Amino acid sequence: MLVKTADLIDEFWQQVQLLDPVFASYGEVDTFYGKVICVRVFEDNVLVRQTLETNGKDCVLVVDGGGSLKCALVGDILAQLAIDNRWSGLVVHGAIRDSKEISLMPIGLKALNTSPRKSRKEGVGAIGQPLQFAGATIHPGDYVYADPDGILVAAKDLLHT
């Protein structure tokens, strides 16, 4: 189904939150949507990996990395894991790496920027809690809609109502 954030915000403006326009698109897929799975970490991607190892069919992994650009939370290996486990896309409030390789991979991936440094591997963070960044509050079970124009969040599925 075609996602066009401009049309969605026009029709559902009272039901959506628009994330601040601070994200760049890194995957080959520039348009994606799905049910939100939330992960909060800081410069540590163990919980990101653990989540991407699960079946992500029709889901978008939203990672609040605290906005840190000091290290990457996702690289080409985790992007491939997302593809293999059928995730619709990822939104990372932090950095990624392997951007050249990821640009050729069939995954939607929005992030703040890139960093060649890998993250720590301590497993610190939280899964399944509400996140707040980029001017929005995102809850587990919300829906994310992303395209080249921006990223929207809604409490319900706007495409199948």
N, C-alpha and C. Protein backbone atom coordinates (compact mmCIF):
# COMPACT_ATOMS: atom_id res chain seq x y z
N MET A 1 0.85 -1.17 0.00
CA MET A 1 0.00 0.00 0.00
C MET A 1 0.90 1.24 0.00
N LEU A 2 0.54 2.22 -0.78
CA LEU A 2 1.32 3.44 -0.91
C LEU A 2 1.16 4.30 0.34
N VAL A 3 2.29 4.73 0.89
CA VAL A 3 2.30 5.64 2.03
C VAL A 3 2.75 7.00 1.52
N LYS A 4 1.94 8.01 1.77
CA LYS A 4 2.33 9.36 1.42
C LYS A 4 2.03 10.23 2.64
N THR A 5 3.07 10.62 3.35
CA THR A 5 2.87 11.34 4.61
C THR A 5 2.12 12.66 4.41
N ALA A 6 2.32 13.31 3.28
CA ALA A 6 1.60 14.56 3.03
C ALA A 6 0.09 14.33 3.02
N ASP A 7 -0.35 13.27 2.36
CA ASP A 7 -1.78 12.96 2.32
C ASP A 7 -2.29 12.54 3.70
N LEU A 8 -1.50 11.74 4.41
CA LEU A 8 -1.92 11.29 5.73
C LEU A 8 -2.06 12.46 6.70
N ILE A 9 -1.11 13.38 6.69
CA ILE A 9 -1.20 14.50 7.63
C ILE A 9 -2.34 15.44 7.24
N ASP A 10 -2.63 15.56 5.94
CA ASP A 10 -3.78 16.37 5.52
C ASP A 10 -5.09 15.78 6.02
N GLU A 11 -5.22 14.48 5.91
CA GLU A 11 -6.47 13.82 6.28
C GLU A 11 -6.60 13.57 7.78
N PHE A 12 -5.50 13.25 8.44
CA PHE A 12 -5.55 12.84 9.85
C PHE A 12 -4.77 13.79 10.76
N TRP A 13 -4.71 15.07 10.43
CA TRP A 13 -3.84 16.00 11.13
C TRP A 13 -4.05 16.03 12.64
N GLN A 14 -5.24 15.73 13.11
CA GLN A 14 -5.50 15.72 14.56
C GLN A 14 -5.08 14.41 15.21
N GLN A 15 -4.76 13.40 14.42
CA GLN A 15 -4.45 12.08 14.97
C GLN A 15 -2.98 11.69 14.83
N VAL A 16 -2.17 12.56 14.25
CA VAL A 16 -0.77 12.20 14.00
C VAL A 16 0.18 13.18 14.67
N GLN A 17 1.37 12.69 14.94
CA GLN A 17 2.49 13.52 15.37
C GLN A 17 3.51 13.49 14.24
N LEU A 18 4.07 14.64 13.95
CA LEU A 18 5.11 14.75 12.94
C LEU A 18 6.44 14.87 13.65
N LEU A 19 7.35 13.94 13.38
CA LEU A 19 8.68 14.03 13.97
C LEU A 19 9.43 15.20 13.35
N ASP A 20 10.24 15.87 14.15
CA ASP A 20 11.06 16.96 13.64
C ASP A 20 11.88 16.46 12.45
N PRO A 21 12.10 17.30 11.45
CA PRO A 21 12.80 16.87 10.23
C PRO A 21 14.33 16.82 10.42
N VAL A 22 14.75 15.88 11.26
CA VAL A 22 16.18 15.73 11.57
C VAL A 22 16.75 14.41 11.06
N PHE A 23 15.92 13.61 10.39
CA PHE A 23 16.32 12.28 9.97
C PHE A 23 16.69 12.24 8.49
N ALA A 24 17.69 11.46 8.18
CA ALA A 24 18.07 11.18 6.80
C ALA A 24 17.68 9.74 6.49
N SER A 25 17.51 9.47 5.21
CA SER A 25 17.15 8.13 4.76
C SER A 25 18.41 7.41 4.28
N TYR A 26 18.61 6.18 4.75
CA TYR A 26 19.82 5.44 4.42
C TYR A 26 19.58 4.15 3.67
N GLY A 27 18.45 3.50 3.84
CA GLY A 27 18.18 2.25 3.15
C GLY A 27 17.75 2.49 1.72
N GLU A 28 17.73 1.41 0.94
CA GLU A 28 17.27 1.49 -0.45
C GLU A 28 15.78 1.86 -0.52
N VAL A 29 15.03 1.45 0.49
CA VAL A 29 13.60 1.72 0.56
C VAL A 29 13.40 3.06 1.27
N ASP A 30 12.75 4.02 0.61
CA ASP A 30 12.59 5.33 1.25
C ASP A 30 11.20 5.54 1.83
N THR A 31 10.29 4.58 1.64
CA THR A 31 8.93 4.69 2.13
C THR A 31 8.55 3.39 2.83
N PHE A 32 8.10 3.51 4.09
CA PHE A 32 7.71 2.32 4.85
C PHE A 32 6.75 2.70 5.97
N TYR A 33 6.05 1.72 6.48
CA TYR A 33 5.18 1.94 7.63
C TYR A 33 5.01 0.63 8.37
N GLY A 34 4.53 0.73 9.61
CA GLY A 34 4.26 -0.47 10.38
C GLY A 34 4.03 -0.16 11.84
N LYS A 35 3.68 -1.20 12.55
CA LYS A 35 3.43 -1.13 13.99
C LYS A 35 4.76 -0.95 14.72
N VAL A 36 4.77 -0.09 15.72
CA VAL A 36 5.99 0.29 16.42
C VAL A 36 6.39 -0.71 17.49
N ILE A 37 7.66 -1.06 17.46
CA ILE A 37 8.34 -1.76 18.56
C ILE A 37 9.39 -0.78 19.06
N CYS A 38 9.38 -0.48 20.36
CA CYS A 38 10.26 0.54 20.93
C CYS A 38 11.46 -0.06 21.65
N VAL A 39 12.63 0.54 21.43
CA VAL A 39 13.85 0.18 22.15
C VAL A 39 14.56 1.46 22.56
N ARG A 40 14.97 1.54 23.83
CA ARG A 40 15.75 2.69 24.31
C ARG A 40 17.13 2.18 24.73
N VAL A 41 18.16 2.78 24.15
CA VAL A 41 19.55 2.42 24.46
C VAL A 41 20.40 3.70 24.42
N PHE A 42 21.64 3.58 24.87
CA PHE A 42 22.57 4.69 24.73
C PHE A 42 23.95 4.14 24.43
N GLU A 43 24.37 4.32 23.20
CA GLU A 43 25.69 3.91 22.74
C GLU A 43 25.95 2.41 22.99
N ASP A 44 24.89 1.62 22.93
CA ASP A 44 24.95 0.17 23.18
C ASP A 44 23.84 -0.46 22.33
N ASN A 45 24.19 -1.38 21.43
CA ASN A 45 23.17 -1.90 20.52
C ASN A 45 22.75 -3.35 20.77
N VAL A 46 23.06 -3.91 21.91
CA VAL A 46 22.70 -5.30 22.20
C VAL A 46 21.19 -5.51 22.11
N LEU A 47 20.40 -4.61 22.70
CA LEU A 47 18.94 -4.77 22.67
C LEU A 47 18.37 -4.53 21.28
N VAL A 48 19.05 -3.71 20.49
CA VAL A 48 18.64 -3.52 19.09
C VAL A 48 18.78 -4.84 18.35
N ARG A 49 19.93 -5.48 18.49
CA ARG A 49 20.17 -6.77 17.84
C ARG A 49 19.15 -7.81 18.32
N GLN A 50 18.95 -7.90 19.63
CA GLN A 50 18.01 -8.89 20.17
C GLN A 50 16.62 -8.70 19.58
N THR A 51 16.20 -7.46 19.42
CA THR A 51 14.87 -7.19 18.87
C THR A 51 14.81 -7.54 17.39
N LEU A 52 15.85 -7.18 16.65
CA LEU A 52 15.87 -7.48 15.21
C LEU A 52 15.98 -8.97 14.92
N GLU A 53 16.38 -9.76 15.90
CA GLU A 53 16.44 -11.22 15.75
C GLU A 53 15.05 -11.85 15.80
N THR A 54 14.03 -11.08 16.17
CA THR A 54 12.67 -11.59 16.25
C THR A 54 11.93 -11.30 14.94
N ASN A 55 10.78 -11.95 14.77
CA ASN A 55 9.95 -11.72 13.59
C ASN A 55 9.40 -10.30 13.63
N GLY A 56 9.75 -9.50 12.63
CA GLY A 56 9.32 -8.11 12.59
C GLY A 56 8.30 -7.83 11.50
N LYS A 57 7.61 -8.86 11.03
CA LYS A 57 6.66 -8.67 9.93
C LYS A 57 5.68 -7.54 10.25
N ASP A 58 5.60 -6.58 9.33
CA ASP A 58 4.70 -5.43 9.43
C ASP A 58 5.02 -4.50 10.60
N CYS A 59 6.25 -4.57 11.13
CA CYS A 59 6.64 -3.73 12.25
C CYS A 59 7.80 -2.81 11.88
N VAL A 60 7.88 -1.70 12.61
CA VAL A 60 8.98 -0.75 12.48
C VAL A 60 9.67 -0.68 13.84
N LEU A 61 10.98 -0.91 13.84
CA LEU A 61 11.75 -0.77 15.07
C LEU A 61 12.11 0.70 15.24
N VAL A 62 11.67 1.30 16.34
CA VAL A 62 12.00 2.67 16.67
C VAL A 62 12.99 2.64 17.83
N VAL A 63 14.18 3.16 17.58
CA VAL A 63 15.27 3.12 18.55
C VAL A 63 15.57 4.53 19.03
N ASP A 64 15.41 4.75 20.32
CA ASP A 64 15.84 6.01 20.92
C ASP A 64 17.24 5.81 21.45
N GLY A 65 18.21 6.28 20.69
CA GLY A 65 19.61 6.20 21.10
C GLY A 65 20.09 7.46 21.78
N GLY A 66 19.15 8.26 22.29
CA GLY A 66 19.50 9.48 22.99
C GLY A 66 20.06 10.56 22.07
N GLY A 67 19.98 10.34 20.76
CA GLY A 67 20.50 11.31 19.82
C GLY A 67 22.01 11.30 19.70
N SER A 68 22.65 10.32 20.31
CA SER A 68 24.12 10.28 20.28
C SER A 68 24.63 9.95 18.88
N LEU A 69 25.64 10.70 18.46
CA LEU A 69 26.31 10.46 17.19
C LEU A 69 27.73 9.94 17.40
N LYS A 70 28.05 9.57 18.63
CA LYS A 70 29.41 9.10 18.95
C LYS A 70 29.70 7.70 18.44
N CYS A 71 28.64 6.90 18.26
CA CYS A 71 28.82 5.54 17.74
C CYS A 71 27.55 5.11 17.03
N ALA A 72 27.67 4.07 16.23
CA ALA A 72 26.55 3.56 15.44
C ALA A 72 25.77 2.50 16.22
N LEU A 73 24.47 2.57 16.09
CA LEU A 73 23.59 1.56 16.71
C LEU A 73 23.17 0.49 15.72
N VAL A 74 23.28 0.78 14.43
CA VAL A 74 22.92 -0.16 13.37
C VAL A 74 23.98 -0.06 12.28
N GLY A 75 24.39 -1.23 11.76
CA GLY A 75 25.28 -1.31 10.62
C GLY A 75 24.71 -2.29 9.61
N ASP A 76 25.52 -2.67 8.63
CA ASP A 76 25.02 -3.54 7.58
C ASP A 76 24.59 -4.91 8.09
N ILE A 77 25.25 -5.43 9.11
CA ILE A 77 24.89 -6.75 9.64
C ILE A 77 23.50 -6.70 10.29
N LEU A 78 23.24 -5.67 11.08
CA LEU A 78 21.91 -5.56 11.71
C LEU A 78 20.84 -5.20 10.68
N ALA A 79 21.21 -4.42 9.67
CA ALA A 79 20.25 -4.12 8.60
C ALA A 79 19.86 -5.41 7.88
N GLN A 80 20.83 -6.28 7.63
CA GLN A 80 20.51 -7.56 6.99
C GLN A 80 19.64 -8.43 7.89
N LEU A 81 19.90 -8.39 9.19
CA LEU A 81 19.08 -9.12 10.15
C LEU A 81 17.63 -8.62 10.09
N ALA A 82 17.46 -7.30 9.96
CA ALA A 82 16.11 -6.73 9.84
C ALA A 82 15.42 -7.23 8.57
N ILE A 83 16.16 -7.29 7.48
CA ILE A 83 15.60 -7.79 6.21
C ILE A 83 15.22 -9.26 6.35
N ASP A 84 16.13 -10.05 6.90
CA ASP A 84 15.89 -11.49 7.05
C ASP A 84 14.68 -11.78 7.91
N ASN A 85 14.42 -10.93 8.91
CA ASN A 85 13.30 -11.15 9.82
C ASN A 85 12.09 -10.29 9.49
N ARG A 86 12.08 -9.75 8.26
CA ARG A 86 10.91 -9.10 7.65
C ARG A 86 10.44 -7.82 8.34
N TRP A 87 11.35 -7.06 8.93
CA TRP A 87 10.98 -5.77 9.49
C TRP A 87 10.66 -4.82 8.35
N SER A 88 9.66 -3.97 8.53
CA SER A 88 9.30 -2.98 7.51
C SER A 88 10.32 -1.86 7.43
N GLY A 89 10.90 -1.51 8.56
CA GLY A 89 11.87 -0.43 8.59
C GLY A 89 12.35 -0.15 9.99
N LEU A 90 13.28 0.82 10.06
CA LEU A 90 13.85 1.25 11.34
C LEU A 90 13.92 2.77 11.36
N VAL A 91 13.66 3.33 12.53
CA VAL A 91 13.88 4.75 12.80
C VAL A 91 14.84 4.80 13.97
N VAL A 92 16.01 5.40 13.76
CA VAL A 92 17.06 5.41 14.78
C VAL A 92 17.36 6.86 15.18
N HIS A 93 17.05 7.18 16.42
CA HIS A 93 17.40 8.49 16.98
C HIS A 93 18.83 8.39 17.49
N GLY A 94 19.72 8.30 16.52
CA GLY A 94 21.15 8.11 16.76
C GLY A 94 21.82 7.89 15.42
N ALA A 95 22.98 7.26 15.46
CA ALA A 95 23.79 7.08 14.25
C ALA A 95 23.77 5.63 13.76
N ILE A 96 24.09 5.49 12.48
CA ILE A 96 24.30 4.18 11.86
C ILE A 96 25.68 4.18 11.23
N ARG A 97 26.12 3.01 10.76
CA ARG A 97 27.36 2.93 9.99
C ARG A 97 27.14 2.00 8.80
N ASP A 98 28.16 1.86 7.98
CA ASP A 98 28.04 1.05 6.75
C ASP A 98 26.97 1.62 5.83
N SER A 99 26.90 2.94 5.78
CA SER A 99 25.83 3.60 5.03
C SER A 99 25.86 3.28 3.54
N LYS A 100 27.02 3.11 2.96
CA LYS A 100 27.11 2.78 1.53
C LYS A 100 26.46 1.42 1.26
N GLU A 101 26.81 0.43 2.09
CA GLU A 101 26.22 -0.90 1.93
C GLU A 101 24.72 -0.88 2.18
N ILE A 102 24.31 -0.17 3.23
CA ILE A 102 22.89 -0.11 3.58
C ILE A 102 22.08 0.57 2.47
N SER A 103 22.68 1.53 1.77
CA SER A 103 21.96 2.22 0.70
C SER A 103 21.56 1.27 -0.43
N LEU A 104 22.20 0.12 -0.50
CA LEU A 104 21.90 -0.88 -1.53
C LEU A 104 21.03 -2.02 -1.01
N MET A 105 20.61 -1.93 0.25
CA MET A 105 19.84 -3.00 0.87
C MET A 105 18.34 -2.66 0.88
N PRO A 106 17.47 -3.66 0.65
CA PRO A 106 16.02 -3.41 0.58
C PRO A 106 15.38 -3.25 1.97
N ILE A 107 15.73 -2.16 2.64
CA ILE A 107 15.19 -1.87 3.97
C ILE A 107 14.99 -0.37 4.08
N GLY A 108 13.96 0.04 4.80
CA GLY A 108 13.77 1.44 5.13
C GLY A 108 14.53 1.74 6.41
N LEU A 109 15.36 2.76 6.38
CA LEU A 109 16.16 3.10 7.56
C LEU A 109 16.35 4.61 7.63
N LYS A 110 15.78 5.21 8.65
CA LYS A 110 15.94 6.64 8.92
C LYS A 110 16.80 6.77 10.17
N ALA A 111 17.77 7.67 10.12
CA ALA A 111 18.64 7.91 11.27
C ALA A 111 19.11 9.35 11.25
N LEU A 112 19.73 9.78 12.35
CA LEU A 112 20.20 11.16 12.43
C LEU A 112 21.43 11.40 11.58
N ASN A 113 22.36 10.44 11.59
CA ASN A 113 23.62 10.62 10.87
C ASN A 113 24.39 9.31 10.90
N THR A 114 25.67 9.38 10.55
CA THR A 114 26.53 8.20 10.54
C THR A 114 27.71 8.38 11.48
N SER A 115 28.27 7.26 11.88
CA SER A 115 29.51 7.23 12.65
C SER A 115 30.19 5.90 12.37
N PRO A 116 31.48 5.89 12.11
CA PRO A 116 32.15 4.61 11.85
C PRO A 116 32.40 3.79 13.11
N ARG A 117 32.27 4.39 14.27
CA ARG A 117 32.56 3.70 15.54
C ARG A 117 31.43 2.75 15.93
N LYS A 118 31.79 1.53 16.32
CA LYS A 118 30.77 0.59 16.78
C LYS A 118 30.37 0.91 18.22
N SER A 119 29.22 0.41 18.61
CA SER A 119 28.70 0.68 19.95
C SER A 119 29.26 -0.28 20.98
N ARG A 120 28.98 0.03 22.23
CA ARG A 120 29.31 -0.90 23.32
C ARG A 120 28.38 -2.11 23.22
N LYS A 121 28.73 -3.15 23.93
CA LYS A 121 27.94 -4.39 23.93
C LYS A 121 27.69 -4.83 25.37
N GLU A 122 26.92 -4.00 26.10
CA GLU A 122 26.65 -4.29 27.51
C GLU A 122 25.22 -4.73 27.78
N GLY A 123 24.32 -4.51 26.83
CA GLY A 123 22.93 -4.91 27.01
C GLY A 123 22.13 -4.00 27.90
N VAL A 124 22.54 -2.74 28.02
CA VAL A 124 21.85 -1.78 28.87
C VAL A 124 20.80 -1.05 28.05
N GLY A 125 19.62 -0.90 28.62
CA GLY A 125 18.54 -0.18 27.95
C GLY A 125 17.20 -0.78 28.31
N ALA A 126 16.20 -0.50 27.48
CA ALA A 126 14.85 -0.98 27.75
C ALA A 126 14.12 -1.26 26.44
N ILE A 127 13.28 -2.28 26.48
CA ILE A 127 12.43 -2.63 25.34
C ILE A 127 10.98 -2.46 25.77
N GLY A 128 10.16 -1.89 24.89
CA GLY A 128 8.72 -1.83 25.14
C GLY A 128 8.25 -0.68 26.00
N GLN A 129 9.05 0.36 26.12
CA GLN A 129 8.63 1.54 26.87
C GLN A 129 8.41 2.71 25.92
N PRO A 130 7.54 3.66 26.29
CA PRO A 130 7.35 4.83 25.44
C PRO A 130 8.66 5.59 25.26
N LEU A 131 8.80 6.22 24.10
CA LEU A 131 9.98 6.99 23.76
C LEU A 131 9.57 8.43 23.49
N GLN A 132 10.48 9.36 23.77
CA GLN A 132 10.19 10.76 23.49
C GLN A 132 11.42 11.40 22.88
N PHE A 133 11.30 11.79 21.59
CA PHE A 133 12.37 12.47 20.89
C PHE A 133 11.81 13.11 19.62
N ALA A 134 12.56 14.03 19.05
CA ALA A 134 12.20 14.71 17.80
C ALA A 134 10.79 15.32 17.85
N GLY A 135 10.40 15.81 19.04
CA GLY A 135 9.12 16.49 19.16
C GLY A 135 7.92 15.57 19.25
N ALA A 136 8.12 14.28 19.45
CA ALA A 136 7.01 13.33 19.49
C ALA A 136 7.17 12.35 20.65
N THR A 137 6.06 11.81 21.09
CA THR A 137 6.05 10.71 22.04
C THR A 137 5.54 9.48 21.30
N ILE A 138 6.32 8.42 21.34
CA ILE A 138 6.03 7.22 20.57
C ILE A 138 5.82 6.06 21.54
N HIS A 139 4.69 5.41 21.42
CA HIS A 139 4.35 4.29 22.30
C HIS A 139 4.45 2.97 21.56
N PRO A 140 4.79 1.90 22.27
CA PRO A 140 4.72 0.58 21.65
C PRO A 140 3.30 0.35 21.12
N GLY A 141 3.19 -0.16 19.92
CA GLY A 141 1.88 -0.40 19.33
C GLY A 141 1.36 0.75 18.48
N ASP A 142 2.01 1.92 18.55
CA ASP A 142 1.66 3.01 17.63
C ASP A 142 2.04 2.56 16.22
N TYR A 143 1.74 3.41 15.25
CA TYR A 143 2.12 3.15 13.86
C TYR A 143 3.00 4.28 13.34
N VAL A 144 4.06 3.91 12.63
CA VAL A 144 4.97 4.86 12.01
C VAL A 144 4.74 4.83 10.51
N TYR A 145 4.74 6.01 9.90
CA TYR A 145 4.62 6.18 8.45
C TYR A 145 5.78 7.07 8.02
N ALA A 146 6.63 6.57 7.15
CA ALA A 146 7.83 7.31 6.75
C ALA A 146 7.94 7.33 5.23
N ASP A 147 8.31 8.48 4.70
CA ASP A 147 8.60 8.63 3.28
C ASP A 147 9.63 9.76 3.14
N PRO A 148 10.00 10.13 1.94
CA PRO A 148 11.01 11.19 1.79
C PRO A 148 10.61 12.54 2.40
N ASP A 149 9.32 12.76 2.63
CA ASP A 149 8.87 14.03 3.19
C ASP A 149 8.93 14.08 4.71
N GLY A 150 8.93 12.93 5.38
CA GLY A 150 8.97 12.97 6.84
C GLY A 150 8.51 11.68 7.48
N ILE A 151 8.36 11.75 8.80
CA ILE A 151 7.95 10.60 9.60
C ILE A 151 6.78 11.02 10.47
N LEU A 152 5.69 10.26 10.39
CA LEU A 152 4.50 10.48 11.20
C LEU A 152 4.32 9.32 12.16
N VAL A 153 3.68 9.62 13.29
CA VAL A 153 3.31 8.58 14.27
C VAL A 153 1.83 8.76 14.59
N ALA A 154 1.11 7.64 14.65
CA ALA A 154 -0.31 7.65 14.99
C ALA A 154 -0.58 6.52 15.97
N ALA A 155 -1.60 6.69 16.78
CA ALA A 155 -1.95 5.67 17.77
C ALA A 155 -2.63 4.46 17.14
N LYS A 156 -3.11 4.61 15.90
CA LYS A 156 -3.79 3.50 15.23
C LYS A 156 -3.34 3.40 13.78
N ASP A 157 -3.69 2.31 13.15
CA ASP A 157 -3.37 2.08 11.74
C ASP A 157 -4.27 2.95 10.87
N LEU A 158 -3.72 3.96 10.24
CA LEU A 158 -4.50 4.89 9.43
C LEU A 158 -4.80 4.36 8.04
N LEU A 159 -4.07 3.36 7.61
CA LEU A 159 -4.24 2.84 6.25
C LEU A 159 -5.30 1.75 6.15
N HIS A 160 -5.67 1.18 7.28
CA HIS A 160 -6.65 0.09 7.29
C HIS A 160 -7.79 0.41 8.24
N THR A 161 -8.29 1.64 8.17
CA THR A 161 -9.38 2.02 9.08
C THR A 161 -10.71 2.00 8.37
